[in-house]
Each structure stands twice: as structure tokens, then as C-alpha cells.
């Protein structure tokens, strides 16, 4: 929970959480952003 709380960024009046994922260990990391205002 602390890691999630630390990953939340406030930009103006919008909050979002950004996660990174990859399909295999050799793939590049890809950002996955979740806009909390729309969730």
C-alpha cells in the first residue's frame, strides 16, 4: 500500500497511478497509467 501511495502523482486537480509491465523479462518496460478521476 505504501508503494502505491508513493506512486500517486498529483498534477493540478488530476491524480493518476503509473504502473510498468512487460510480458517477458527480456521485453522493454511499458507504462500503464490509471487516471483515478476516471476510474
PDB file of N, CA and C in Angstrom:
ATOM      1  N   UNK A   1       0.827  -1.178   0.000  1.00  0.00           N
ATOM      2  CA  UNK A   1       0.000   0.000   0.000  1.00  0.00           C
ATOM      3  C   UNK A   1       0.879   1.251   0.000  1.00  0.00           C
ATOM      4  N   UNK A   2       1.980   1.215   0.712  1.00  0.00           N
ATOM      5  CA  UNK A   2       2.860   2.383   0.738  1.00  0.00           C
ATOM      6  C   UNK A   2       3.447   2.659  -0.639  1.00  0.00           C
ATOM      7  N   UNK A   3       3.821   1.600  -1.369  1.00  0.00           N
ATOM      8  CA  UNK A   3       4.366   1.774  -2.714  1.00  0.00           C
ATOM      9  C   UNK A   3       3.322   2.390  -3.641  1.00  0.00           C
ATOM     10  N   UNK A   4       2.080   1.954  -3.516  1.00  0.00           N
ATOM     11  CA  UNK A   4       1.019   2.529  -4.340  1.00  0.00           C
ATOM     12  C   UNK A   4       0.801   3.985  -3.957  1.00  0.00           C
ATOM     13  N   UNK A   5       0.771   4.265  -2.663  1.00  0.00           N
ATOM     14  CA  UNK A   5       0.578   5.641  -2.201  1.00  0.00           C
ATOM     15  C   UNK A   5       1.715   6.537  -2.695  1.00  0.00           C
ATOM     16  N   UNK A   6       2.939   6.046  -2.691  1.00  0.00           N
ATOM     17  CA  UNK A   6       4.086   6.826  -3.160  1.00  0.00           C
ATOM     18  C   UNK A   6       4.085   7.009  -4.674  1.00  0.00           C
ATOM     19  N   UNK A   7       3.399   6.144  -5.405  1.00  0.00           N
ATOM     20  CA  UNK A   7       3.384   6.247  -6.863  1.00  0.00           C
ATOM     21  C   UNK A   7       2.317   7.208  -7.378  1.00  0.00           C
ATOM     22  N   UNK A   8       1.434   7.655  -6.509  1.00  0.00           N
ATOM     23  CA  UNK A   8       0.375   8.578  -6.926  1.00  0.00           C
ATOM     24  C   UNK A   8       0.981   9.961  -7.132  1.00  0.00           C
ATOM     25  N   UNK A   9       0.726  10.527  -8.291  1.00  0.00           N
ATOM     26  CA  UNK A   9       1.226  11.858  -8.624  1.00  0.00           C
ATOM     27  C   UNK A   9       0.038  12.782  -8.830  1.00  0.00           C
ATOM     28  N   UNK A  10       0.094  13.936  -8.216  1.00  0.00           N
ATOM     29  CA  UNK A  10      -0.975  14.918  -8.379  1.00  0.00           C
ATOM     30  C   UNK A  10      -0.500  15.983  -9.349  1.00  0.00           C
ATOM     31  N   UNK A  11      -1.238  16.155 -10.440  1.00  0.00           N
ATOM     32  CA  UNK A  11      -0.941  17.166 -11.447  1.00  0.00           C
ATOM     33  C   UNK A  11      -2.161  18.063 -11.540  1.00  0.00           C
ATOM     34  N   UNK A  12      -2.074  19.211 -10.947  1.00  0.00           N
ATOM     35  CA  UNK A  12      -3.248  20.081 -10.918  1.00  0.00           C
ATOM     36  C   UNK A  12      -4.324  19.426 -10.079  1.00  0.00           C
ATOM     37  N   UNK A  13      -5.457  19.158 -10.690  1.00  0.00           N
ATOM     38  CA  UNK A  13      -6.541  18.519  -9.957  1.00  0.00           C
ATOM     39  C   UNK A  13      -6.731  17.066 -10.371  1.00  0.00           C
ATOM     40  N   UNK A  14      -5.749  16.517 -11.088  1.00  0.00           N
ATOM     41  CA  UNK A  14      -5.860  15.134 -11.533  1.00  0.00           C
ATOM     42  C   UNK A  14      -4.882  14.255 -10.762  1.00  0.00           C
ATOM     43  N   UNK A  15      -5.341  13.076 -10.422  1.00  0.00           N
ATOM     44  CA  UNK A  15      -4.483  12.089  -9.779  1.00  0.00           C
ATOM     45  C   UNK A  15      -4.415  10.866 -10.664  1.00  0.00           C
ATOM     46  N   UNK A  16      -3.236  10.296 -10.781  1.00  0.00           N
ATOM     47  CA  UNK A  16      -3.104   9.072 -11.550  1.00  0.00           C
ATOM     48  C   UNK A  16      -2.019   8.203 -10.932  1.00  0.00           C
ATOM     49  N   UNK A  17      -2.094   6.928 -11.239  1.00  0.00           N
ATOM     50  CA  UNK A  17      -1.100   5.957 -10.788  1.00  0.00           C
ATOM     51  C   UNK A  17      -0.474   5.364 -12.032  1.00  0.00           C
ATOM     52  N   UNK A  18       0.821   5.242 -12.047  1.00  0.00           N
ATOM     53  CA  UNK A  18       1.504   4.667 -13.205  1.00  0.00           C
ATOM     54  C   UNK A  18       2.194   3.375 -12.771  1.00  0.00           C
ATOM     55  N   UNK A  19       1.853   2.308 -13.457  1.00  0.00           N
ATOM     56  CA  UNK A  19       2.491   1.017 -13.258  1.00  0.00           C
ATOM     57  C   UNK A  19       3.310   0.701 -14.500  1.00  0.00           C
ATOM     58  N   UNK A  20       4.243  -0.201 -14.363  1.00  0.00           N
ATOM     59  CA  UNK A  20       5.028  -0.638 -15.508  1.00  0.00           C
ATOM     60  C   UNK A  20       4.875  -2.144 -15.625  1.00  0.00           C
ATOM     61  N   UNK A  21       4.776  -2.623 -16.873  1.00  0.00           N
ATOM     62  CA  UNK A  21       4.623  -4.052 -17.104  1.00  0.00           C
ATOM     63  C   UNK A  21       5.470  -4.476 -18.293  1.00  0.00           C
ATOM     64  N   UNK A  22       5.729  -5.756 -18.356  1.00  0.00           N
ATOM     65  CA  UNK A  22       6.381  -6.346 -19.521  1.00  0.00           C
ATOM     66  C   UNK A  22       5.954  -7.796 -19.589  1.00  0.00           C
ATOM     67  N   UNK A  23       5.871  -8.330 -20.795  1.00  0.00           N
ATOM     68  CA  UNK A  23       5.383  -9.691 -20.987  1.00  0.00           C
ATOM     69  C   UNK A  23       6.419 -10.731 -20.613  1.00  0.00           C
ATOM     70  N   UNK A  24       7.665 -10.482 -20.952  1.00  0.00           N
ATOM     71  CA  UNK A  24       8.746 -11.400 -20.589  1.00  0.00           C
ATOM     72  C   UNK A  24       9.880 -10.587 -19.988  1.00  0.00           C
ATOM     73  N   UNK A  25      10.778 -11.203 -19.251  1.00  0.00           N
ATOM     74  CA  UNK A  25      11.889 -10.463 -18.654  1.00  0.00           C
ATOM     75  C   UNK A  25      12.782  -9.754 -19.673  1.00  0.00           C
ATOM     76  N   UNK A  26      12.771 -10.185 -20.917  1.00  0.00           N
ATOM     77  CA  UNK A  26      13.622  -9.562 -21.934  1.00  0.00           C
ATOM     78  C   UNK A  26      12.950  -8.391 -22.648  1.00  0.00           C
ATOM     79  N   UNK A  27      11.626  -8.239 -22.477  1.00  0.00           N
ATOM     80  CA  UNK A  27      10.896  -7.147 -23.124  1.00  0.00           C
ATOM     81  C   UNK A  27      11.187  -5.814 -22.438  1.00  0.00           C
ATOM     82  N   UNK A  28      10.894  -4.731 -23.169  1.00  0.00           N
ATOM     83  CA  UNK A  28      11.011  -3.387 -22.602  1.00  0.00           C
ATOM     84  C   UNK A  28       9.857  -3.142 -21.628  1.00  0.00           C
ATOM     85  N   UNK A  29      10.097  -2.304 -20.613  1.00  0.00           N
ATOM     86  CA  UNK A  29       9.029  -1.915 -19.705  1.00  0.00           C
ATOM     87  C   UNK A  29       8.066  -0.988 -20.434  1.00  0.00           C
ATOM     88  N   UNK A  30       6.782  -1.165 -20.200  1.00  0.00           N
ATOM     89  CA  UNK A  30       5.744  -0.346 -20.818  1.00  0.00           C
ATOM     90  C   UNK A  30       4.914   0.286 -19.694  1.00  0.00           C
ATOM     91  N   UNK A  31       4.736   1.596 -19.774  1.00  0.00           N
ATOM     92  CA  UNK A  31       3.978   2.307 -18.738  1.00  0.00           C
ATOM     93  C   UNK A  31       2.482   2.065 -18.904  1.00  0.00           C
ATOM     94  N   UNK A  32       1.826   1.829 -17.799  1.00  0.00           N
ATOM     95  CA  UNK A  32       0.368   1.694 -17.756  1.00  0.00           C
ATOM     96  C   UNK A  32      -0.125   2.728 -16.751  1.00  0.00           C
ATOM     97  N   UNK A  33      -0.805   3.761 -17.238  1.00  0.00           N
ATOM     98  CA  UNK A  33      -1.270   4.845 -16.390  1.00  0.00           C
ATOM     99  C   UNK A  33      -2.755   4.695 -16.113  1.00  0.00           C
ATOM    100  N   UNK A  34      -3.125   4.817 -14.845  1.00  0.00           N
ATOM    101  CA  UNK A  34      -4.541   4.737 -14.463  1.00  0.00           C
ATOM    102  C   UNK A  34      -4.948   6.113 -13.940  1.00  0.00           C
ATOM    103  N   UNK A  35      -5.882   6.746 -14.628  1.00  0.00           N
ATOM    104  CA  UNK A  35      -6.394   8.050 -14.226  1.00  0.00           C
ATOM    105  C   UNK A  35      -7.460   7.813 -13.157  1.00  0.00           C
ATOM    106  N   UNK A  36      -7.163   8.177 -11.923  1.00  0.00           N
ATOM    107  CA  UNK A  36      -8.075   7.896 -10.827  1.00  0.00           C
ATOM    108  C   UNK A  36      -9.384   8.670 -10.926  1.00  0.00           C
ATOM    109  N   UNK A  37      -9.379   9.795 -11.622  1.00  0.00           N
ATOM    110  CA  UNK A  37     -10.598  10.569 -11.792  1.00  0.00           C
ATOM    111  C   UNK A  37     -11.599   9.842 -12.687  1.00  0.00           C
ATOM    112  N   UNK A  38     -11.108   8.976 -13.560  1.00  0.00           N
ATOM    113  CA  UNK A  38     -11.993   8.265 -14.486  1.00  0.00           C
ATOM    114  C   UNK A  38     -12.346   6.859 -14.029  1.00  0.00           C
ATOM    115  N   UNK A  39     -11.675   6.385 -13.013  1.00  0.00           N
ATOM    116  CA  UNK A  39     -11.904   5.006 -12.561  1.00  0.00           C
ATOM    117  C   UNK A  39     -13.152   4.908 -11.736  1.00  0.00           C
TER     118      UNK A  39
END
